[in-house]
Amino acid sequence: MTVRPHLRRPEILDAQLAQCVRGSNGFTRGAVAALRWLTAGGPGPLTGALATTLDAQSIDHELAMAQVFMSGPASTGREYAQGVEHALHWAESTTSGPPVSAEDGPTQGRGRSRRRK
């Protein structure tokens, strides 16, 4: 059974995507990739998997891959993975603060949040 994700309204996702595009660091590039994936489809931002339908399982796979990058050795991909993770959590309304990096704006709400089971 396919479980459809509960995402913020498309116009809200589009507005945040437009805001994130202005950033130039790894975090905002990851957030942009995640938001584009949610709004336009295509390969997952971290897994590269092409889902036929965007469902909760596809998002969970991307979040799991983000955790792999973030728990591994320090690398340039870590900030990108953090941006992907935060954007996906924000899009699902599991965190309140929109995806912005410390360089680009306030970090309110950028903590870990509880995932649905």
C-alpha atoms as a PDB file:
ATOM      1  CA  MET A   1       0.000   0.000   0.000  1.00  0.00           C
ATOM      2  CA  THR A   2       1.330   3.417  -0.968  1.00  0.00           C
ATOM      3  CA  VAL A   3       1.227   6.056   1.756  1.00  0.00           C
ATOM      4  CA  ARG A   4       1.068   9.550   0.346  1.00  0.00           C
ATOM      5  CA  PRO A   5       3.134  12.082   2.266  1.00  0.00           C
ATOM      6  CA  HIS A   6       1.423  15.012   3.921  1.00  0.00           C
ATOM      7  CA  LEU A   7       3.311  17.990   2.528  1.00  0.00           C
ATOM      8  CA  ARG A   8       2.909  21.729   2.843  1.00  0.00           C
ATOM      9  CA  ARG A   9       0.850  23.317   0.071  1.00  0.00           C
ATOM     10  CA  PRO A  10       2.585  23.521  -3.342  1.00  0.00           C
ATOM     11  CA  GLU A  11       2.641  27.332  -3.357  1.00  0.00           C
ATOM     12  CA  ILE A  12       4.432  27.320   0.015  1.00  0.00           C
ATOM     13  CA  LEU A  13       6.999  24.798  -1.239  1.00  0.00           C
ATOM     14  CA  ASP A  14       7.530  26.909  -4.382  1.00  0.00           C
ATOM     15  CA  ALA A  15       8.009  30.093  -2.344  1.00  0.00           C
ATOM     16  CA  GLN A  16      10.575  28.422  -0.096  1.00  0.00           C
ATOM     17  CA  LEU A  17      12.361  26.987  -3.122  1.00  0.00           C
ATOM     18  CA  ALA A  18      12.628  30.503  -4.568  1.00  0.00           C
ATOM     19  CA  GLN A  19      14.102  31.686  -1.252  1.00  0.00           C
ATOM     20  CA  CYS A  20      16.615  28.826  -1.050  1.00  0.00           C
ATOM     21  CA  VAL A  21      17.846  29.318  -4.623  1.00  0.00           C
ATOM     22  CA  ARG A  22      19.433  32.571  -3.430  1.00  0.00           C
ATOM     23  CA  GLY A  23      21.813  30.674  -1.140  1.00  0.00           C
ATOM     24  CA  SER A  24      25.184  29.475  -2.311  1.00  0.00           C
ATOM     25  CA  ASN A  25      26.413  26.961   0.240  1.00  0.00           C
ATOM     26  CA  GLY A  26      26.050  23.192   0.549  1.00  0.00           C
ATOM     27  CA  PHE A  27      23.101  23.403   2.925  1.00  0.00           C
ATOM     28  CA  THR A  28      21.000  25.581   0.610  1.00  0.00           C
ATOM     29  CA  ARG A  29      21.996  23.515  -2.447  1.00  0.00           C
ATOM     30  CA  GLY A  30      20.718  20.419  -0.616  1.00  0.00           C
ATOM     31  CA  ALA A  31      17.510  22.194   0.380  1.00  0.00           C
ATOM     32  CA  VAL A  32      16.981  23.323  -3.224  1.00  0.00           C
ATOM     33  CA  ALA A  33      17.519  19.781  -4.523  1.00  0.00           C
ATOM     34  CA  ALA A  34      15.033  18.353  -2.016  1.00  0.00           C
ATOM     35  CA  LEU A  35      12.374  20.979  -2.693  1.00  0.00           C
ATOM     36  CA  ARG A  36      12.761  20.612  -6.465  1.00  0.00           C
ATOM     37  CA  TRP A  37      12.408  16.856  -6.071  1.00  0.00           C
ATOM     38  CA  LEU A  38       9.212  17.304  -4.075  1.00  0.00           C
ATOM     39  CA  THR A  39       7.715  19.804  -6.513  1.00  0.00           C
ATOM     40  CA  ALA A  40       8.964  18.560  -9.899  1.00  0.00           C
ATOM     41  CA  GLY A  41       9.945  14.923  -9.359  1.00  0.00           C
ATOM     42  CA  GLY A  42      12.997  13.311 -10.877  1.00  0.00           C
ATOM     43  CA  PRO A  43      15.794  11.411  -9.153  1.00  0.00           C
ATOM     44  CA  GLY A  44      16.063  11.643  -5.371  1.00  0.00           C
ATOM     45  CA  PRO A  45      18.534  14.304  -4.200  1.00  0.00           C
ATOM     46  CA  LEU A  46      20.731  11.791  -2.333  1.00  0.00           C
ATOM     47  CA  THR A  47      19.738   8.310  -3.500  1.00  0.00           C
ATOM     48  CA  GLY A  48      19.334   9.177  -7.156  1.00  0.00           C
ATOM     49  CA  ALA A  49      16.367   6.793  -7.173  1.00  0.00           C
ATOM     50  CA  LEU A  50      13.625   7.668  -9.606  1.00  0.00           C
ATOM     51  CA  ALA A  51      10.320   7.040  -7.872  1.00  0.00           C
ATOM     52  CA  THR A  52       7.283   6.468 -10.067  1.00  0.00           C
ATOM     53  CA  THR A  53       5.202   8.228  -7.418  1.00  0.00           C
ATOM     54  CA  LEU A  54       6.379  10.398  -4.592  1.00  0.00           C
ATOM     55  CA  ASP A  55       5.323   8.601  -1.437  1.00  0.00           C
ATOM     56  CA  ALA A  56       6.277   8.490   2.228  1.00  0.00           C
ATOM     57  CA  GLN A  57       8.643   5.574   1.606  1.00  0.00           C
ATOM     58  CA  SER A  58      10.584   7.566  -1.025  1.00  0.00           C
ATOM     59  CA  ILE A  59      10.985  10.443   1.417  1.00  0.00           C
ATOM     60  CA  ASP A  60      12.043   8.034   4.166  1.00  0.00           C
ATOM     61  CA  HIS A  61      14.747   6.608   1.859  1.00  0.00           C
ATOM     62  CA  GLU A  62      16.138  10.090   1.221  1.00  0.00           C
ATOM     63  CA  LEU A  63      16.079  10.876   4.951  1.00  0.00           C
ATOM     64  CA  ALA A  64      17.882   7.615   5.728  1.00  0.00           C
ATOM     65  CA  MET A  65      20.561   8.441   3.159  1.00  0.00           C
ATOM     66  CA  ALA A  66      20.932  11.911   4.676  1.00  0.00           C
ATOM     67  CA  GLN A  67      21.613  10.259   8.038  1.00  0.00           C
ATOM     68  CA  VAL A  68      24.316   8.090   6.439  1.00  0.00           C
ATOM     69  CA  PHE A  69      26.085  11.174   5.065  1.00  0.00           C
ATOM     70  CA  MET A  70      25.724  13.126   8.300  1.00  0.00           C
ATOM     71  CA  SER A  71      26.960  10.318  10.543  1.00  0.00           C
ATOM     72  CA  GLY A  72      29.958   9.492   8.382  1.00  0.00           C
ATOM     73  CA  PRO A  73      33.312  11.223   8.247  1.00  0.00           C
ATOM     74  CA  ALA A  74      33.325  14.964   7.712  1.00  0.00           C
ATOM     75  CA  SER A  75      32.897  15.780   4.048  1.00  0.00           C
ATOM     76  CA  THR A  76      31.555  18.461   1.774  1.00  0.00           C
ATOM     77  CA  GLY A  77      28.446  16.294   1.266  1.00  0.00           C
ATOM     78  CA  ARG A  78      27.483  16.618   4.925  1.00  0.00           C
ATOM     79  CA  GLU A  79      26.095  20.167   4.582  1.00  0.00           C
ATOM     80  CA  TYR A  80      24.206  19.156   1.430  1.00  0.00           C
ATOM     81  CA  ALA A  81      22.689  16.184   3.284  1.00  0.00           C
ATOM     82  CA  GLN A  82      21.718  18.470   6.184  1.00  0.00           C
ATOM     83  CA  GLY A  83      19.942  20.754   3.727  1.00  0.00           C
ATOM     84  CA  VAL A  84      18.101  17.813   2.172  1.00  0.00           C
ATOM     85  CA  GLU A  85      17.099  16.479   5.579  1.00  0.00           C
ATOM     86  CA  HIS A  86      15.884  19.804   6.894  1.00  0.00           C
ATOM     87  CA  ALA A  87      13.941  20.666   3.728  1.00  0.00           C
ATOM     88  CA  LEU A  88      12.176  17.288   3.758  1.00  0.00           C
ATOM     89  CA  HIS A  89      11.276  17.584   7.446  1.00  0.00           C
ATOM     90  CA  TRP A  90      10.040  21.135   6.904  1.00  0.00           C
ATOM     91  CA  ALA A  91       8.022  20.140   3.830  1.00  0.00           C
ATOM     92  CA  GLU A  92       6.350  17.408   5.895  1.00  0.00           C
ATOM     93  CA  SER A  93       5.701  19.918   8.714  1.00  0.00           C
ATOM     94  CA  THR A  94       7.743  17.880  11.196  1.00  0.00           C
ATOM     95  CA  THR A  95       9.865  20.952  11.875  1.00  0.00           C
ATOM     96  CA  SER A  96       8.604  24.517  11.885  1.00  0.00           C
ATOM     97  CA  GLY A  97      11.623  26.480  10.692  1.00  0.00           C
ATOM     98  CA  PRO A  98      12.128  26.708   6.937  1.00  0.00           C
ATOM     99  CA  PRO A  99      15.393  25.418   5.491  1.00  0.00           C
ATOM    100  CA  VAL A 100      17.919  28.237   5.786  1.00  0.00           C
ATOM    101  CA  SER A 101      21.572  27.890   6.630  1.00  0.00           C
ATOM    102  CA  ALA A 102      23.337  29.765   9.398  1.00  0.00           C
ATOM    103  CA  GLU A 103      24.939  31.955   6.711  1.00  0.00           C
ATOM    104  CA  ASP A 104      21.632  32.746   5.026  1.00  0.00           C
ATOM    105  CA  GLY A 105      19.390  33.478   7.971  1.00  0.00           C
ATOM    106  CA  PRO A 106      18.072  32.446  11.363  1.00  0.00           C
ATOM    107  CA  THR A 107      18.353  28.839  12.449  1.00  0.00           C
ATOM    108  CA  GLN A 108      15.200  28.720  14.525  1.00  0.00           C
ATOM    109  CA  GLY A 109      13.577  25.320  14.203  1.00  0.00           C
ATOM    110  CA  ARG A 110      16.646  23.634  12.708  1.00  0.00           C
ATOM    111  CA  GLY A 111      16.816  20.891  15.261  1.00  0.00           C
ATOM    112  CA  ARG A 112      16.083  17.242  14.917  1.00  0.00           C
ATOM    113  CA  SER A 113      12.444  16.481  14.947  1.00  0.00           C
ATOM    114  CA  ARG A 114      10.422  13.390  15.541  1.00  0.00           C
ATOM    115  CA  ARG A 115       9.575  11.304  12.494  1.00  0.00           C
ATOM    116  CA  ARG A 116       6.294   9.611  12.003  1.00  0.00           C
ATOM    117  CA  LYS A 117       6.278   5.851  12.348  1.00  0.00           C
END
